[in-house]
Amino acid sequence: MPRPLAVALTGGIAAGKSEALASFARHGAATASSDAIVHDLLAEDAEARAAIRGRWGEDAVDDRGRIGELVFADPDELEQLLHPRVALAQRAWLDELAQRAEPPALAVVEIPLLFETGGEERFDAVVVITAPLELRERRRVSFAAREARLVPEAEKVRRADFAYVNDGSLEELDAFVAGVVERLSSS
C-alpha cells in the first residue's frame, strides 16, 4: 500500500510558513501544524498538563502565551516536555493517512523548530520558507532574542530539499508550492 510522501515545512519566525501550509492544502496535500498539535496537547494531554503544572504552576496550565515565554527562556524544557509528544502525534497522523483506502500523495507538517530538534530525519523532504528580516519584523513584533536561539536561516536553506524566499506576493508563494507539489508527486 502506498504511503504519503512525508514533507516537513519549516522556516524563520513570521516568514510565511502558515501561508505556505495553506497553499499545500489547496494543491491537494494533507496538512498538519505542529502548533495545532501543541495546542491539542496542552488542552487534552493529562501528562503534559501535569508536567506544566509541576514545573510552572497552575496558572500556566491554560495560558499558552505564558508557556511559550517560559519555555522559550529554557529551550531544553520544550524539547523534554513537548517535542517527543508532538513527534508521536505527527507519526500517528502520518500512519493514519497511510492506512486510508486512498492515501494522499503528500502529507505536509509545519514544524517551526524542525532543525533545532533534529526532526528532519523523520521526513522524506524538507521545505524551508524564509523572508528578509525587515519584512518579518513588520509582520510581528521584534523577535531578535528568539531568533538568536534558532538554527540560522542560511543553514536551514542549505539542509533543505526546497527553499523559497518569501518576499513577493501570495501568488508567487503559491506558484512555488505548486512546483514543489508537482516535483514531489512525480518522483
N, C-alpha and C. Protein backbone atom coordinates (compact mmCIF):
# COMPACT_ATOMS: atom_id res chain seq x y z
N MET A 1 0.84 -1.18 0.00
CA MET A 1 0.00 0.00 0.00
C MET A 1 0.89 1.24 0.00
N PRO A 2 0.63 2.17 -0.91
CA PRO A 2 1.46 3.38 -0.94
C PRO A 2 1.21 4.25 0.27
N ARG A 3 2.28 4.86 0.76
CA ARG A 3 2.14 5.79 1.88
C ARG A 3 2.42 7.19 1.35
N PRO A 4 1.85 8.20 2.00
CA PRO A 4 2.13 9.56 1.55
C PRO A 4 3.61 9.90 1.72
N LEU A 5 4.11 10.71 0.83
CA LEU A 5 5.44 11.26 0.99
C LEU A 5 5.37 12.27 2.13
N ALA A 6 6.17 12.07 3.16
CA ALA A 6 6.14 12.94 4.35
C ALA A 6 7.06 14.13 4.12
N VAL A 7 6.49 15.34 4.19
CA VAL A 7 7.21 16.57 3.92
C VAL A 7 7.15 17.47 5.16
N ALA A 8 8.30 17.94 5.59
CA ALA A 8 8.36 18.91 6.69
C ALA A 8 8.46 20.31 6.10
N LEU A 9 7.70 21.23 6.65
CA LEU A 9 7.72 22.63 6.25
C LEU A 9 8.22 23.44 7.44
N THR A 10 9.30 24.19 7.23
CA THR A 10 9.89 24.96 8.32
C THR A 10 10.38 26.30 7.79
N GLY A 11 10.94 27.10 8.67
CA GLY A 11 11.48 28.39 8.26
C GLY A 11 11.51 29.35 9.42
N GLY A 12 11.86 30.57 9.13
CA GLY A 12 12.02 31.57 10.16
C GLY A 12 10.71 32.05 10.73
N ILE A 13 10.80 32.72 11.87
CA ILE A 13 9.63 33.31 12.52
C ILE A 13 9.02 34.35 11.58
N ALA A 14 7.72 34.25 11.35
CA ALA A 14 6.95 35.19 10.52
C ALA A 14 7.40 35.21 9.06
N ALA A 15 7.96 34.09 8.59
CA ALA A 15 8.41 34.02 7.20
C ALA A 15 7.29 33.65 6.22
N GLY A 16 6.19 33.11 6.74
CA GLY A 16 5.09 32.72 5.86
C GLY A 16 4.82 31.23 5.83
N LYS A 17 5.25 30.50 6.85
CA LYS A 17 5.03 29.05 6.89
C LYS A 17 3.55 28.69 6.86
N SER A 18 2.74 29.41 7.61
CA SER A 18 1.31 29.10 7.66
C SER A 18 0.66 29.33 6.30
N GLU A 19 1.04 30.38 5.62
CA GLU A 19 0.51 30.62 4.26
C GLU A 19 0.96 29.51 3.31
N ALA A 20 2.21 29.09 3.44
CA ALA A 20 2.70 28.00 2.59
C ALA A 20 1.94 26.71 2.90
N LEU A 21 1.67 26.44 4.17
CA LEU A 21 0.92 25.23 4.54
C LEU A 21 -0.47 25.26 3.93
N ALA A 22 -1.13 26.42 4.00
CA ALA A 22 -2.45 26.56 3.38
C ALA A 22 -2.37 26.34 1.87
N SER A 23 -1.30 26.78 1.26
CA SER A 23 -1.11 26.58 -0.17
C SER A 23 -0.93 25.09 -0.49
N PHE A 24 -0.15 24.39 0.34
CA PHE A 24 -0.01 22.94 0.13
C PHE A 24 -1.38 22.27 0.19
N ALA A 25 -2.22 22.68 1.13
CA ALA A 25 -3.57 22.10 1.24
C ALA A 25 -4.38 22.39 -0.02
N ARG A 26 -4.30 23.61 -0.54
CA ARG A 26 -5.03 23.96 -1.77
C ARG A 26 -4.57 23.11 -2.95
N HIS A 27 -3.32 22.67 -2.90
CA HIS A 27 -2.78 21.87 -4.00
C HIS A 27 -2.90 20.37 -3.74
N GLY A 28 -3.72 19.99 -2.77
CA GLY A 28 -4.08 18.59 -2.58
C GLY A 28 -3.32 17.82 -1.52
N ALA A 29 -2.38 18.43 -0.85
CA ALA A 29 -1.62 17.73 0.19
C ALA A 29 -2.45 17.67 1.47
N ALA A 30 -2.29 16.59 2.21
CA ALA A 30 -2.81 16.55 3.57
C ALA A 30 -1.87 17.41 4.40
N THR A 31 -2.40 18.20 5.33
CA THR A 31 -1.55 19.11 6.09
C THR A 31 -1.84 19.04 7.58
N ALA A 32 -0.80 19.32 8.36
CA ALA A 32 -0.91 19.40 9.81
C ALA A 32 0.06 20.46 10.30
N SER A 33 -0.30 21.07 11.41
CA SER A 33 0.53 22.11 12.02
C SER A 33 1.00 21.66 13.39
N SER A 34 2.29 21.75 13.63
CA SER A 34 2.81 21.41 14.96
C SER A 34 2.22 22.33 16.02
N ASP A 35 1.98 23.58 15.68
CA ASP A 35 1.37 24.50 16.64
C ASP A 35 -0.01 24.00 17.04
N ALA A 36 -0.80 23.48 16.08
CA ALA A 36 -2.12 22.94 16.41
C ALA A 36 -2.00 21.69 17.26
N ILE A 37 -0.99 20.86 16.97
CA ILE A 37 -0.77 19.66 17.78
C ILE A 37 -0.42 20.05 19.21
N VAL A 38 0.45 21.04 19.36
CA VAL A 38 0.81 21.52 20.70
C VAL A 38 -0.43 22.04 21.41
N HIS A 39 -1.25 22.81 20.71
CA HIS A 39 -2.49 23.33 21.30
C HIS A 39 -3.36 22.19 21.81
N ASP A 40 -3.51 21.13 21.00
CA ASP A 40 -4.30 19.96 21.42
C ASP A 40 -3.68 19.29 22.64
N LEU A 41 -2.36 19.14 22.63
CA LEU A 41 -1.68 18.51 23.77
C LEU A 41 -1.90 19.32 25.05
N LEU A 42 -1.76 20.63 24.94
CA LEU A 42 -1.93 21.47 26.11
C LEU A 42 -3.37 21.43 26.63
N ALA A 43 -4.31 21.17 25.75
CA ALA A 43 -5.71 21.11 26.16
C ALA A 43 -6.12 19.73 26.65
N GLU A 44 -5.49 18.65 26.10
CA GLU A 44 -6.02 17.32 26.32
C GLU A 44 -5.07 16.31 26.95
N ASP A 45 -3.78 16.51 26.87
CA ASP A 45 -2.83 15.51 27.35
C ASP A 45 -2.59 15.68 28.85
N ALA A 46 -3.10 14.75 29.63
CA ALA A 46 -3.02 14.86 31.09
C ALA A 46 -1.57 14.91 31.58
N GLU A 47 -0.69 14.11 30.97
CA GLU A 47 0.72 14.12 31.39
C GLU A 47 1.38 15.46 31.11
N ALA A 48 1.12 16.02 29.93
CA ALA A 48 1.71 17.31 29.58
C ALA A 48 1.19 18.39 30.53
N ARG A 49 -0.11 18.37 30.80
CA ARG A 49 -0.70 19.36 31.71
C ARG A 49 -0.11 19.22 33.11
N ALA A 50 0.06 17.99 33.57
CA ALA A 50 0.64 17.77 34.91
C ALA A 50 2.09 18.24 34.96
N ALA A 51 2.83 18.01 33.87
CA ALA A 51 4.22 18.45 33.83
C ALA A 51 4.31 19.97 33.87
N ILE A 52 3.42 20.64 33.13
CA ILE A 52 3.40 22.11 33.13
C ILE A 52 3.04 22.62 34.53
N ARG A 53 2.02 22.03 35.11
CA ARG A 53 1.59 22.41 36.46
C ARG A 53 2.75 22.25 37.45
N GLY A 54 3.44 21.12 37.36
CA GLY A 54 4.55 20.84 38.27
C GLY A 54 5.73 21.76 38.05
N ARG A 55 5.98 22.16 36.83
CA ARG A 55 7.14 22.99 36.51
C ARG A 55 6.88 24.47 36.73
N TRP A 56 5.68 24.96 36.29
CA TRP A 56 5.42 26.39 36.28
C TRP A 56 4.21 26.83 37.09
N GLY A 57 3.48 25.90 37.66
CA GLY A 57 2.33 26.27 38.49
C GLY A 57 1.01 26.20 37.75
N GLU A 58 -0.04 26.19 38.53
CA GLU A 58 -1.41 26.04 38.00
C GLU A 58 -1.77 27.14 37.00
N ASP A 59 -1.33 28.37 37.26
CA ASP A 59 -1.73 29.48 36.38
C ASP A 59 -1.15 29.36 34.98
N ALA A 60 -0.14 28.55 34.77
CA ALA A 60 0.45 28.38 33.44
C ALA A 60 -0.25 27.32 32.61
N VAL A 61 -1.03 26.45 33.24
CA VAL A 61 -1.59 25.28 32.54
C VAL A 61 -2.40 25.67 31.31
N ASP A 62 -3.25 26.66 31.40
CA ASP A 62 -4.10 27.03 30.27
C ASP A 62 -3.69 28.34 29.60
N ASP A 63 -2.50 28.83 29.88
CA ASP A 63 -2.03 30.10 29.33
C ASP A 63 -0.90 29.82 28.33
N ARG A 64 -1.29 29.62 27.05
CA ARG A 64 -0.31 29.26 26.02
C ARG A 64 0.76 30.33 25.85
N GLY A 65 0.38 31.59 25.96
CA GLY A 65 1.37 32.67 25.83
C GLY A 65 2.42 32.59 26.91
N ARG A 66 1.98 32.37 28.14
CA ARG A 66 2.91 32.25 29.26
C ARG A 66 3.80 31.02 29.10
N ILE A 67 3.22 29.92 28.69
CA ILE A 67 4.02 28.71 28.48
C ILE A 67 5.08 28.96 27.42
N GLY A 68 4.68 29.62 26.33
CA GLY A 68 5.64 29.93 25.27
C GLY A 68 6.80 30.77 25.77
N GLU A 69 6.49 31.79 26.55
CA GLU A 69 7.54 32.64 27.10
C GLU A 69 8.46 31.87 28.05
N LEU A 70 7.86 31.09 28.92
CA LEU A 70 8.64 30.33 29.90
C LEU A 70 9.52 29.28 29.22
N VAL A 71 8.93 28.58 28.28
CA VAL A 71 9.67 27.52 27.61
C VAL A 71 10.76 28.08 26.72
N PHE A 72 10.45 29.21 26.04
CA PHE A 72 11.48 29.76 25.16
C PHE A 72 12.69 30.25 25.95
N ALA A 73 12.46 30.62 27.19
CA ALA A 73 13.57 31.03 28.06
C ALA A 73 14.48 29.84 28.36
N ASP A 74 13.96 28.63 28.26
CA ASP A 74 14.73 27.41 28.52
C ASP A 74 14.38 26.39 27.44
N PRO A 75 15.02 26.47 26.25
CA PRO A 75 14.67 25.60 25.13
C PRO A 75 14.74 24.11 25.46
N ASP A 76 15.62 23.71 26.36
CA ASP A 76 15.70 22.30 26.72
C ASP A 76 14.40 21.82 27.34
N GLU A 77 13.73 22.70 28.05
CA GLU A 77 12.45 22.36 28.67
C GLU A 77 11.43 21.98 27.60
N LEU A 78 11.39 22.75 26.52
CA LEU A 78 10.46 22.47 25.42
C LEU A 78 10.73 21.09 24.83
N GLU A 79 11.98 20.83 24.55
CA GLU A 79 12.32 19.55 23.93
C GLU A 79 11.93 18.38 24.83
N GLN A 80 12.22 18.48 26.09
CA GLN A 80 11.92 17.39 27.02
C GLN A 80 10.42 17.20 27.24
N LEU A 81 9.68 18.28 27.28
CA LEU A 81 8.27 18.20 27.62
C LEU A 81 7.37 17.94 26.41
N LEU A 82 7.50 18.74 25.38
CA LEU A 82 6.52 18.69 24.30
C LEU A 82 6.98 17.99 23.03
N HIS A 83 8.22 18.18 22.63
CA HIS A 83 8.63 17.66 21.33
C HIS A 83 8.46 16.15 21.17
N PRO A 84 8.78 15.33 22.17
CA PRO A 84 8.52 13.89 21.98
C PRO A 84 7.04 13.59 21.75
N ARG A 85 6.17 14.30 22.45
CA ARG A 85 4.73 14.10 22.29
C ARG A 85 4.26 14.59 20.91
N VAL A 86 4.80 15.71 20.48
CA VAL A 86 4.43 16.24 19.17
C VAL A 86 4.91 15.29 18.07
N ALA A 87 6.12 14.78 18.19
CA ALA A 87 6.64 13.83 17.20
C ALA A 87 5.78 12.57 17.13
N LEU A 88 5.34 12.08 18.28
CA LEU A 88 4.46 10.90 18.30
C LEU A 88 3.12 11.21 17.63
N ALA A 89 2.58 12.38 17.89
CA ALA A 89 1.31 12.76 17.27
C ALA A 89 1.46 12.90 15.75
N GLN A 90 2.59 13.47 15.31
CA GLN A 90 2.84 13.58 13.87
C GLN A 90 2.94 12.20 13.24
N ARG A 91 3.66 11.30 13.87
CA ARG A 91 3.82 9.94 13.36
C ARG A 91 2.47 9.24 13.29
N ALA A 92 1.65 9.39 14.33
CA ALA A 92 0.32 8.76 14.34
C ALA A 92 -0.54 9.30 13.20
N TRP A 93 -0.44 10.61 12.95
CA TRP A 93 -1.19 11.22 11.85
C TRP A 93 -0.73 10.65 10.51
N LEU A 94 0.58 10.58 10.31
CA LEU A 94 1.11 10.02 9.06
C LEU A 94 0.71 8.56 8.89
N ASP A 95 0.74 7.79 9.98
CA ASP A 95 0.33 6.38 9.92
C ASP A 95 -1.15 6.26 9.58
N GLU A 96 -1.97 7.14 10.16
CA GLU A 96 -3.41 7.11 9.86
C GLU A 96 -3.65 7.43 8.39
N LEU A 97 -2.93 8.38 7.84
CA LEU A 97 -3.06 8.70 6.42
C LEU A 97 -2.69 7.51 5.55
N ALA A 98 -1.63 6.81 5.92
CA ALA A 98 -1.16 5.65 5.14
C ALA A 98 -2.16 4.51 5.17
N GLN A 99 -2.98 4.43 6.21
CA GLN A 99 -3.96 3.35 6.33
C GLN A 99 -5.23 3.61 5.53
N ARG A 100 -5.40 4.80 5.03
CA ARG A 100 -6.61 5.12 4.26
C ARG A 100 -6.66 4.30 2.97
N ALA A 101 -7.87 4.05 2.52
CA ALA A 101 -8.05 3.32 1.26
C ALA A 101 -7.35 4.04 0.11
N GLU A 102 -7.43 5.37 0.12
CA GLU A 102 -6.75 6.19 -0.89
C GLU A 102 -5.93 7.25 -0.17
N PRO A 103 -4.71 6.91 0.25
CA PRO A 103 -3.90 7.89 0.96
C PRO A 103 -3.50 9.05 0.05
N PRO A 104 -3.33 10.23 0.61
CA PRO A 104 -2.87 11.36 -0.21
C PRO A 104 -1.43 11.11 -0.67
N ALA A 105 -1.07 11.73 -1.76
CA ALA A 105 0.31 11.58 -2.27
C ALA A 105 1.30 12.27 -1.35
N LEU A 106 0.90 13.43 -0.79
CA LEU A 106 1.79 14.21 0.06
C LEU A 106 1.13 14.50 1.40
N ALA A 107 1.92 14.44 2.45
CA ALA A 107 1.49 14.84 3.79
C ALA A 107 2.51 15.85 4.30
N VAL A 108 2.08 17.08 4.51
CA VAL A 108 2.98 18.18 4.87
C VAL A 108 2.71 18.59 6.31
N VAL A 109 3.77 18.65 7.10
CA VAL A 109 3.66 19.06 8.50
C VAL A 109 4.50 20.32 8.70
N GLU A 110 3.86 21.38 9.19
CA GLU A 110 4.56 22.62 9.52
C GLU A 110 5.23 22.42 10.88
N ILE A 111 6.57 22.57 10.91
CA ILE A 111 7.33 22.35 12.14
C ILE A 111 8.32 23.51 12.30
N PRO A 112 7.96 24.51 13.10
CA PRO A 112 8.83 25.67 13.24
C PRO A 112 10.25 25.33 13.71
N LEU A 113 10.41 24.38 14.61
CA LEU A 113 11.73 24.05 15.17
C LEU A 113 12.25 22.71 14.64
N LEU A 114 12.05 22.45 13.37
CA LEU A 114 12.44 21.18 12.76
C LEU A 114 13.92 20.88 12.96
N PHE A 115 14.79 21.77 12.52
CA PHE A 115 16.23 21.52 12.60
C PHE A 115 16.74 21.62 14.03
N GLU A 116 16.12 22.48 14.82
CA GLU A 116 16.55 22.66 16.20
C GLU A 116 16.33 21.39 17.03
N THR A 117 15.38 20.56 16.61
CA THR A 117 15.07 19.33 17.34
C THR A 117 15.55 18.07 16.64
N GLY A 118 16.23 18.22 15.51
CA GLY A 118 16.69 17.05 14.77
C GLY A 118 15.57 16.29 14.09
N GLY A 119 14.44 16.93 13.88
CA GLY A 119 13.27 16.27 13.33
C GLY A 119 13.31 15.99 11.85
N GLU A 120 14.24 16.57 11.13
CA GLU A 120 14.27 16.40 9.67
C GLU A 120 14.44 14.94 9.25
N GLU A 121 15.02 14.13 10.09
CA GLU A 121 15.27 12.72 9.74
C GLU A 121 13.99 11.91 9.63
N ARG A 122 12.89 12.42 10.18
CA ARG A 122 11.61 11.71 10.13
C ARG A 122 10.85 11.96 8.83
N PHE A 123 11.41 12.77 7.93
CA PHE A 123 10.67 13.18 6.74
C PHE A 123 11.42 12.83 5.46
N ASP A 124 10.64 12.68 4.39
CA ASP A 124 11.21 12.36 3.08
C ASP A 124 11.77 13.60 2.39
N ALA A 125 11.21 14.76 2.69
CA ALA A 125 11.66 16.01 2.08
C ALA A 125 11.42 17.15 3.06
N VAL A 126 12.23 18.21 2.90
CA VAL A 126 12.11 19.39 3.76
C VAL A 126 11.98 20.62 2.86
N VAL A 127 11.00 21.47 3.20
CA VAL A 127 10.78 22.74 2.51
C VAL A 127 11.02 23.85 3.53
N VAL A 128 11.85 24.83 3.17
CA VAL A 128 12.14 25.96 4.04
C VAL A 128 11.59 27.23 3.40
N ILE A 129 10.86 28.00 4.21
CA ILE A 129 10.37 29.30 3.79
C ILE A 129 11.14 30.35 4.59
N THR A 130 11.77 31.27 3.90
CA THR A 130 12.48 32.36 4.55
C THR A 130 11.88 33.68 4.07
N ALA A 131 12.25 34.74 4.71
CA ALA A 131 11.86 36.09 4.28
C ALA A 131 12.88 37.05 4.85
N PRO A 132 13.10 38.16 4.16
CA PRO A 132 14.03 39.15 4.69
C PRO A 132 13.58 39.63 6.07
N LEU A 133 14.54 39.89 6.92
CA LEU A 133 14.27 40.28 8.30
C LEU A 133 13.33 41.48 8.40
N GLU A 134 13.53 42.48 7.54
CA GLU A 134 12.69 43.66 7.63
C GLU A 134 11.22 43.35 7.34
N LEU A 135 10.95 42.40 6.45
CA LEU A 135 9.56 42.00 6.19
C LEU A 135 9.00 41.22 7.37
N ARG A 136 9.79 40.33 7.94
CA ARG A 136 9.32 39.52 9.06
C ARG A 136 9.05 40.39 10.28
N GLU A 137 9.88 41.39 10.52
CA GLU A 137 9.66 42.26 11.67
C GLU A 137 8.41 43.11 11.50
N ARG A 138 8.05 43.45 10.26
CA ARG A 138 6.81 44.19 10.04
C ARG A 138 5.60 43.31 10.32
N ARG A 139 5.75 42.02 10.13
CA ARG A 139 4.64 41.10 10.36
C ARG A 139 4.44 40.79 11.83
N ARG A 140 5.45 40.94 12.64
CA ARG A 140 5.38 40.64 14.08
C ARG A 140 6.20 41.65 14.85
N VAL A 141 6.06 41.62 16.16
CA VAL A 141 6.93 42.43 16.99
C VAL A 141 8.34 41.88 16.88
N SER A 142 9.31 42.63 17.31
CA SER A 142 10.70 42.19 17.24
C SER A 142 10.90 40.87 17.96
N PHE A 143 11.68 40.01 17.37
CA PHE A 143 11.90 38.68 17.94
C PHE A 143 13.38 38.32 17.93
N ALA A 144 14.25 39.33 18.04
CA ALA A 144 15.69 39.11 17.95
C ALA A 144 16.19 38.09 18.97
N ALA A 145 15.68 38.14 20.19
CA ALA A 145 16.14 37.18 21.22
C ALA A 145 15.78 35.76 20.84
N ARG A 146 14.58 35.55 20.31
CA ARG A 146 14.18 34.20 19.89
C ARG A 146 15.00 33.75 18.69
N GLU A 147 15.16 34.64 17.74
CA GLU A 147 15.88 34.30 16.51
C GLU A 147 17.31 33.86 16.81
N ALA A 148 17.93 34.47 17.80
CA ALA A 148 19.32 34.15 18.13
C ALA A 148 19.48 32.70 18.59
N ARG A 149 18.42 32.08 19.05
CA ARG A 149 18.50 30.69 19.54
C ARG A 149 18.18 29.66 18.47
N LEU A 150 17.83 30.11 17.29
CA LEU A 150 17.42 29.20 16.22
C LEU A 150 18.59 28.89 15.28
N VAL A 151 18.45 27.79 14.56
CA VAL A 151 19.41 27.48 13.51
C VAL A 151 19.33 28.62 12.50
N PRO A 152 20.47 29.18 12.08
CA PRO A 152 20.43 30.30 11.11
C PRO A 152 19.72 29.90 9.81
N GLU A 153 19.02 30.85 9.23
CA GLU A 153 18.26 30.56 8.02
C GLU A 153 19.14 30.02 6.90
N ALA A 154 20.34 30.54 6.74
CA ALA A 154 21.23 30.05 5.68
C ALA A 154 21.51 28.55 5.86
N GLU A 155 21.65 28.12 7.10
CA GLU A 155 21.87 26.70 7.38
C GLU A 155 20.62 25.89 7.08
N LYS A 156 19.45 26.41 7.41
CA LYS A 156 18.20 25.72 7.09
C LYS A 156 18.07 25.54 5.57
N VAL A 157 18.36 26.60 4.84
CA VAL A 157 18.27 26.54 3.38
C VAL A 157 19.25 25.51 2.83
N ARG A 158 20.46 25.48 3.38
CA ARG A 158 21.46 24.52 2.92
C ARG A 158 20.99 23.08 3.13
N ARG A 159 20.30 22.82 4.22
CA ARG A 159 19.88 21.47 4.56
C ARG A 159 18.55 21.06 3.94
N ALA A 160 17.84 22.00 3.34
CA ALA A 160 16.52 21.74 2.79
C ALA A 160 16.59 21.14 1.39
N ASP A 161 15.51 20.47 1.01
CA ASP A 161 15.36 19.98 -0.36
C ASP A 161 14.80 21.07 -1.27
N PHE A 162 13.99 21.95 -0.69
CA PHE A 162 13.38 23.06 -1.41
C PHE A 162 13.43 24.29 -0.50
N ALA A 163 13.69 25.45 -1.07
CA ALA A 163 13.72 26.67 -0.28
C ALA A 163 13.12 27.81 -1.10
N TYR A 164 12.46 28.71 -0.39
CA TYR A 164 11.81 29.84 -1.04
C TYR A 164 11.99 31.09 -0.18
N VAL A 165 12.38 32.19 -0.80
CA VAL A 165 12.46 33.48 -0.12
C VAL A 165 11.13 34.18 -0.35
N ASN A 166 10.37 34.31 0.70
CA ASN A 166 9.02 34.84 0.64
C ASN A 166 9.04 36.36 0.74
N ASP A 167 9.40 37.01 -0.36
CA ASP A 167 9.45 38.47 -0.37
C ASP A 167 8.57 39.06 -1.46
N GLY A 168 7.67 38.24 -1.99
CA GLY A 168 6.78 38.70 -3.05
C GLY A 168 5.33 38.55 -2.66
N SER A 169 4.52 38.21 -3.62
CA SER A 169 3.08 38.11 -3.42
C SER A 169 2.68 36.70 -2.96
N LEU A 170 1.45 36.60 -2.49
CA LEU A 170 0.91 35.29 -2.13
C LEU A 170 0.82 34.40 -3.36
N GLU A 171 0.57 34.99 -4.51
CA GLU A 171 0.51 34.22 -5.75
C GLU A 171 1.87 33.60 -6.09
N GLU A 172 2.93 34.34 -5.82
CA GLU A 172 4.28 33.80 -6.08
C GLU A 172 4.59 32.67 -5.11
N LEU A 173 4.21 32.81 -3.85
CA LEU A 173 4.39 31.73 -2.88
C LEU A 173 3.59 30.51 -3.33
N ASP A 174 2.36 30.72 -3.76
CA ASP A 174 1.52 29.63 -4.21
C ASP A 174 2.12 28.92 -5.43
N ALA A 175 2.71 29.69 -6.34
CA ALA A 175 3.35 29.10 -7.52
C ALA A 175 4.55 28.24 -7.10
N PHE A 176 5.32 28.71 -6.14
CA PHE A 176 6.43 27.91 -5.62
C PHE A 176 5.91 26.60 -5.05
N VAL A 177 4.89 26.67 -4.21
CA VAL A 177 4.32 25.45 -3.60
C VAL A 177 3.79 24.52 -4.68
N ALA A 178 3.11 25.05 -5.68
CA ALA A 178 2.59 24.22 -6.77
C ALA A 178 3.73 23.47 -7.46
N GLY A 179 4.86 24.15 -7.65
CA GLY A 179 6.01 23.50 -8.26
C GLY A 179 6.59 22.39 -7.38
N VAL A 180 6.63 22.62 -6.08
CA VAL A 180 7.12 21.60 -5.15
C VAL A 180 6.19 20.39 -5.18
N VAL A 181 4.88 20.64 -5.13
CA VAL A 181 3.91 19.55 -5.17
C VAL A 181 4.08 18.74 -6.46
N GLU A 182 4.24 19.43 -7.56
CA GLU A 182 4.41 18.74 -8.85
C GLU A 182 5.66 17.88 -8.86
N ARG A 183 6.77 18.45 -8.38
CA ARG A 183 8.03 17.68 -8.37
C ARG A 183 7.96 16.48 -7.43
N LEU A 184 7.41 16.67 -6.25
CA LEU A 184 7.35 15.57 -5.29
C LEU A 184 6.33 14.51 -5.70
N SER A 185 5.25 14.92 -6.33
CA SER A 185 4.23 13.97 -6.75
C SER A 185 4.68 13.12 -7.93
N SER A 186 5.63 13.63 -8.70
CA SER A 186 6.10 12.89 -9.87
C SER A 186 7.33 12.04 -9.58
N SER A 187 7.86 12.13 -8.35
CA SER A 187 9.07 11.35 -8.05
C SER A 187 8.76 9.99 -7.52
